C-alpha atoms as a PDB file:
ATOM      1  CA  UNK A   1      -4.380  -3.017  -1.256  1.00  0.00           C
ATOM      2  CA  UNK A   2      -4.439  -0.440  -3.964  1.00  0.00           C
ATOM      3  CA  UNK A   3      -7.879   0.173  -5.476  1.00  0.00           C
ATOM      4  CA  UNK A   4      -7.179  -1.566  -8.779  1.00  0.00           C
ATOM      5  CA  UNK A   5      -5.741  -4.698  -7.118  1.00  0.00           C
ATOM      6  CA  UNK A   6      -8.684  -4.876  -4.722  1.00  0.00           C
ATOM      7  CA  UNK A   7     -11.156  -4.523  -7.597  1.00  0.00           C
ATOM      8  CA  UNK A   8      -9.395  -7.328  -9.493  1.00  0.00           C
ATOM      9  CA  UNK A   9      -9.431  -9.588  -6.426  1.00  0.00           C
ATOM     10  CA  UNK A  10     -13.113  -8.959  -5.684  1.00  0.00           C
ATOM     11  CA  UNK A  11     -14.098  -9.444  -9.318  1.00  0.00           C
ATOM     12  CA  UNK A  12     -12.136 -12.721  -9.535  1.00  0.00           C
ATOM     13  CA  UNK A  13     -13.647 -14.041  -6.290  1.00  0.00           C
ATOM     14  CA  UNK A  14     -17.198 -13.107  -7.254  1.00  0.00           C
ATOM     15  CA  UNK A  15     -16.779 -14.601 -10.743  1.00  0.00           C
ATOM     16  CA  UNK A  16     -15.832 -17.860  -8.990  1.00  0.00           C
ATOM     17  CA  UNK A  17     -18.902 -17.648  -6.701  1.00  0.00           C
ATOM     18  CA  UNK A  18     -16.851 -16.724  -3.613  1.00  0.00           C
ATOM     19  CA  UNK A  19     -18.198 -14.094  -1.226  1.00  0.00           C
ATOM     20  CA  UNK A  20     -15.614 -11.489  -0.242  1.00  0.00           C
ATOM     21  CA  UNK A  21     -15.153 -10.708   3.436  1.00  0.00           C
ATOM     22  CA  UNK A  22     -12.864  -7.700   3.761  1.00  0.00           C
ATOM     23  CA  UNK A  23     -11.046  -7.129   7.056  1.00  0.00           C
ATOM     24  CA  UNK A  24     -10.650  -3.352   7.096  1.00  0.00           C
ATOM     25  CA  UNK A  25      -9.712  -2.924  10.746  1.00  0.00           C
ATOM     26  CA  UNK A  26      -6.411  -1.201   9.899  1.00  0.00           C
ATOM     27  CA  UNK A  27      -8.027   1.326   7.549  1.00  0.00           C
ATOM     28  CA  UNK A  28      -6.991   4.798   8.547  1.00  0.00           C
ATOM     29  CA  UNK A  29      -3.478   3.615   9.394  1.00  0.00           C
ATOM     30  CA  UNK A  30      -2.304   3.844   5.806  1.00  0.00           C
ATOM     31  CA  UNK A  31       0.902   5.586   4.801  1.00  0.00           C
ATOM     32  CA  UNK A  32       1.838   5.102   1.135  1.00  0.00           C
ATOM     33  CA  UNK A  33      -1.670   5.444  -0.315  1.00  0.00           C
ATOM     34  CA  UNK A  34      -5.245   5.694   0.944  1.00  0.00           C
ATOM     35  CA  UNK A  35      -6.839   2.348   1.782  1.00  0.00           C
ATOM     36  CA  UNK A  36      -9.706   1.292  -0.442  1.00  0.00           C
ATOM     37  CA  UNK A  37     -12.859  -0.321   0.891  1.00  0.00           C
ATOM     38  CA  UNK A  38     -14.345  -3.374  -0.766  1.00  0.00           C
ATOM     39  CA  UNK A  39     -17.744  -1.696  -0.290  1.00  0.00           C
ATOM     40  CA  UNK A  40     -16.835   0.730  -3.087  1.00  0.00           C
ATOM     41  CA  UNK A  41     -15.993  -2.202  -5.363  1.00  0.00           C
ATOM     42  CA  UNK A  42     -18.926  -4.544  -4.670  1.00  0.00           C
ATOM     43  CA  UNK A  43     -22.413  -4.371  -3.232  1.00  0.00           C
ATOM     44  CA  UNK A  44     -22.016  -8.025  -2.197  1.00  0.00           C
ATOM     45  CA  UNK A  45     -18.862  -7.708  -0.094  1.00  0.00           C
ATOM     46  CA  UNK A  46     -18.964  -8.096   3.688  1.00  0.00           C
ATOM     47  CA  UNK A  47     -16.884  -5.448   5.459  1.00  0.00           C
ATOM     48  CA  UNK A  48     -15.512  -5.942   8.973  1.00  0.00           C
ATOM     49  CA  UNK A  49     -14.189  -2.932  10.869  1.00  0.00           C
ATOM     50  CA  UNK A  50     -13.526  -1.835  14.404  1.00  0.00           C
ATOM     51  CA  UNK A  51     -12.616   1.077  16.622  1.00  0.00           C
ATOM     52  CA  UNK A  52      -9.630  -0.867  17.968  1.00  0.00           C
ATOM     53  CA  UNK A  53      -6.797   0.220  15.677  1.00  0.00           C
ATOM     54  CA  UNK A  54      -7.217   3.690  14.169  1.00  0.00           C
ATOM     55  CA  UNK A  55      -9.320   4.961  17.065  1.00  0.00           C
ATOM     56  CA  UNK A  56      -6.935   3.440  19.660  1.00  0.00           C
ATOM     57  CA  UNK A  57      -9.711   1.471  21.394  1.00  0.00           C
ATOM     58  CA  UNK A  58      -8.104  -1.977  21.464  1.00  0.00           C
ATOM     59  CA  UNK A  59      -9.924  -4.176  23.952  1.00  0.00           C
ATOM     60  CA  UNK A  60     -13.143  -2.140  23.977  1.00  0.00           C
ATOM     61  CA  UNK A  61     -14.754  -4.753  21.699  1.00  0.00           C
ATOM     62  CA  UNK A  62     -16.748  -2.435  19.508  1.00  0.00           C
ATOM     63  CA  UNK A  63     -16.876  -2.499  15.743  1.00  0.00           C
ATOM     64  CA  UNK A  64     -19.202  -2.755  12.798  1.00  0.00           C
ATOM     65  CA  UNK A  65     -20.032  -4.711   9.707  1.00  0.00           C
ATOM     66  CA  UNK A  66     -21.324  -3.577   6.343  1.00  0.00           C
ATOM     67  CA  UNK A  67     -23.293  -6.374   4.721  1.00  0.00           C
ATOM     68  CA  UNK A  68     -25.522  -6.769   1.669  1.00  0.00           C
ATOM     69  CA  UNK A  69     -29.227  -6.237   2.482  1.00  0.00           C
ATOM     70  CA  UNK A  70     -29.958  -9.939   1.965  1.00  0.00           C
ATOM     71  CA  UNK A  71     -27.599 -10.823   4.858  1.00  0.00           C
ATOM     72  CA  UNK A  72     -28.715  -8.208   7.409  1.00  0.00           C
ATOM     73  CA  UNK A  73     -31.319 -10.339   9.208  1.00  0.00           C
ATOM     74  CA  UNK A  74     -29.069 -13.414   9.218  1.00  0.00           C
ATOM     75  CA  UNK A  75     -26.175 -11.410  10.700  1.00  0.00           C
ATOM     76  CA  UNK A  76     -28.510  -9.828  13.276  1.00  0.00           C
ATOM     77  CA  UNK A  77     -29.696 -13.275  14.438  1.00  0.00           C
ATOM     78  CA  UNK A  78     -26.135 -14.545  14.651  1.00  0.00           C
ATOM     79  CA  UNK A  79     -24.954 -11.492  16.583  1.00  0.00           C
ATOM     80  CA  UNK A  80     -27.864 -11.766  19.039  1.00  0.00           C
ATOM     81  CA  UNK A  81     -26.645 -15.237  19.947  1.00  0.00           C
ATOM     82  CA  UNK A  82     -23.015 -14.200  20.363  1.00  0.00           C
ATOM     83  CA  UNK A  83     -23.356 -11.071  22.485  1.00  0.00           C
ATOM     84  CA  UNK A  84     -26.072  -9.374  24.478  1.00  0.00           C
ATOM     85  CA  UNK A  85     -24.927  -5.809  23.935  1.00  0.00           C
ATOM     86  CA  UNK A  86     -21.867  -3.665  23.530  1.00  0.00           C
ATOM     87  CA  UNK A  87     -21.245  -2.029  26.937  1.00  0.00           C
ATOM     88  CA  UNK A  88     -22.736   1.456  27.214  1.00  0.00           C
ATOM     89  CA  UNK A  89     -19.365   2.998  28.066  1.00  0.00           C
ATOM     90  CA  UNK A  90     -17.855   1.536  24.878  1.00  0.00           C
ATOM     91  CA  UNK A  91     -20.722   2.936  22.813  1.00  0.00           C
ATOM     92  CA  UNK A  92     -20.303   6.430  24.294  1.00  0.00           C
ATOM     93  CA  UNK A  93     -16.513   6.310  23.844  1.00  0.00           C
ATOM     94  CA  UNK A  94     -16.836   5.098  20.237  1.00  0.00           C
ATOM     95  CA  UNK A  95     -19.225   7.923  19.391  1.00  0.00           C
ATOM     96  CA  UNK A  96     -16.854  10.452  20.980  1.00  0.00           C
ATOM     97  CA  UNK A  97     -13.908   8.972  19.048  1.00  0.00           C
ATOM     98  CA  UNK A  98     -15.310  10.444  15.830  1.00  0.00           C
ATOM     99  CA  UNK A  99     -14.640  13.911  17.303  1.00  0.00           C
ATOM    100  CA  UNK A 100     -10.983  13.011  17.932  1.00  0.00           C
ATOM    101  CA  UNK A 101      -9.805  12.720  14.339  1.00  0.00           C
ATOM    102  CA  UNK A 102      -7.007  15.276  14.854  1.00  0.00           C
ATOM    103  CA  UNK A 103      -5.677  13.261  17.789  1.00  0.00           C
ATOM    104  CA  UNK A 104      -5.979   9.999  15.842  1.00  0.00           C
ATOM    105  CA  UNK A 105      -4.037  11.515  12.954  1.00  0.00           C
ATOM    106  CA  UNK A 106      -1.309  12.649  15.389  1.00  0.00           C
ATOM    107  CA  UNK A 107      -1.052   9.076  16.717  1.00  0.00           C
ATOM    108  CA  UNK A 108      -0.952   7.766  13.156  1.00  0.00           C
ATOM    109  CA  UNK A 109       1.895  10.143  12.278  1.00  0.00           C
ATOM    110  CA  UNK A 110       3.761   8.920  15.354  1.00  0.00           C
ATOM    111  CA  UNK A 111       3.436   5.370  14.020  1.00  0.00           C
ATOM    112  CA  UNK A 112       4.605   6.616  10.628  1.00  0.00           C
ATOM    113  CA  UNK A 113       7.665   8.280  12.181  1.00  0.00           C
ATOM    114  CA  UNK A 114       8.509   5.062  14.068  1.00  0.00           C
ATOM    115  CA  UNK A 115       8.104   3.074  10.859  1.00  0.00           C
ATOM    116  CA  UNK A 116      10.388   5.423   8.926  1.00  0.00           C
ATOM    117  CA  UNK A 117      12.978   5.284  11.710  1.00  0.00           C
ATOM    118  CA  UNK A 118      12.959   1.482  12.054  1.00  0.00           C
ATOM    119  CA  UNK A 119      12.556   0.380   8.447  1.00  0.00           C
ATOM    120  CA  UNK A 120      16.065   1.168   7.133  1.00  0.00           C
ATOM    121  CA  UNK A 121      17.800  -0.717   9.954  1.00  0.00           C
ATOM    122  CA  UNK A 122      15.535  -3.706   9.504  1.00  0.00           C
ATOM    123  CA  UNK A 123      16.401  -3.851   5.809  1.00  0.00           C
ATOM    124  CA  UNK A 124      20.111  -4.249   6.596  1.00  0.00           C
ATOM    125  CA  UNK A 125      21.886  -7.330   5.220  1.00  0.00           C
ATOM    126  CA  UNK A 126      20.944 -10.458   7.153  1.00  0.00           C
ATOM    127  CA  UNK A 127      17.833  -8.953   8.674  1.00  0.00           C
ATOM    128  CA  UNK A 128      14.236  -9.984   8.145  1.00  0.00           C
ATOM    129  CA  UNK A 129      12.171  -6.792   8.209  1.00  0.00           C
ATOM    130  CA  UNK A 130       9.336  -6.609  10.693  1.00  0.00           C
ATOM    131  CA  UNK A 131       8.849 -10.317  11.345  1.00  0.00           C
ATOM    132  CA  UNK A 132       6.671 -11.198  14.299  1.00  0.00           C
ATOM    133  CA  UNK A 133       8.283 -12.695  17.363  1.00  0.00           C
ATOM    134  CA  UNK A 134       7.214 -16.268  18.065  1.00  0.00           C
ATOM    135  CA  UNK A 135       8.577 -16.146  21.597  1.00  0.00           C
ATOM    136  CA  UNK A 136       5.808 -13.946  22.942  1.00  0.00           C
ATOM    137  CA  UNK A 137       2.357 -12.814  22.022  1.00  0.00           C
ATOM    138  CA  UNK A 138       2.474  -9.242  20.790  1.00  0.00           C
ATOM    139  CA  UNK A 139       0.741  -7.011  18.314  1.00  0.00           C
ATOM    140  CA  UNK A 140       3.863  -4.897  17.837  1.00  0.00           C
ATOM    141  CA  UNK A 141       6.079  -5.890  14.925  1.00  0.00           C
ATOM    142  CA  UNK A 142       9.587  -6.952  15.807  1.00  0.00           C
ATOM    143  CA  UNK A 143      12.732  -7.104  13.775  1.00  0.00           C
ATOM    144  CA  UNK A 144      15.253  -9.903  13.588  1.00  0.00           C
ATOM    145  CA  UNK A 145      18.757  -8.540  13.907  1.00  0.00           C
ATOM    146  CA  UNK A 146      20.148 -11.589  12.166  1.00  0.00           C
ATOM    147  CA  UNK A 147      18.913 -14.937  10.965  1.00  0.00           C
ATOM    148  CA  UNK A 148      20.135 -16.606  14.158  1.00  0.00           C
ATOM    149  CA  UNK A 149      19.582 -14.016  16.880  1.00  0.00           C
ATOM    150  CA  UNK A 150      16.145 -12.475  17.193  1.00  0.00           C
ATOM    151  CA  UNK A 151      15.739  -9.119  18.888  1.00  0.00           C
ATOM    152  CA  UNK A 152      12.617  -8.333  20.851  1.00  0.00           C
ATOM    153  CA  UNK A 153      12.045  -4.829  19.544  1.00  0.00           C
ATOM    154  CA  UNK A 154      12.811  -2.561  16.601  1.00  0.00           C
ATOM    155  CA  UNK A 155      15.052  -0.451  18.862  1.00  0.00           C
ATOM    156  CA  UNK A 156      17.166  -3.523  19.629  1.00  0.00           C
ATOM    157  CA  UNK A 157      17.430  -4.094  15.893  1.00  0.00           C
ATOM    158  CA  UNK A 158      18.558  -0.498  15.410  1.00  0.00           C
ATOM    159  CA  UNK A 159      21.239  -0.826  18.115  1.00  0.00           C
ATOM    160  CA  UNK A 160      22.547  -3.923  16.351  1.00  0.00           C
ATOM    161  CA  UNK A 161      22.768  -2.187  12.963  1.00  0.00           C
ATOM    162  CA  UNK A 162      23.904   1.324  13.929  1.00  0.00           C
END
């Protein structure tokens, strides 16, 4: 979300007595504009983030939360009952990931190139851009080549429309 829209959403939620929990796991993989954090907008927001997406550590199960001071002890007690500890190897790898920003940016630009390549074909008449396949579990977006025949990958969509 753009900064102004996020600020409006947080303000509206807080005015209604609703605590904001912001899933910011995809931050860093932004293309059109820099992602905004709810932490900049509100001291009461709960921020959830992870090394899985931007730092390419999917499956390592390491992340972080930013919470208001009044929630720290409650979150600590909850976490202690859900997990014993993040594996040492994951902790070492996560710390080292901060030194790999240049590599992470190169990966991000690869995603951006793929997005730019696939997007026009998926916007063709009769296509539904980047819908998720229901036939299989995947985290990669897929494109439907037509309303009746679903492709299993963006490249299949491109073949259909080129």
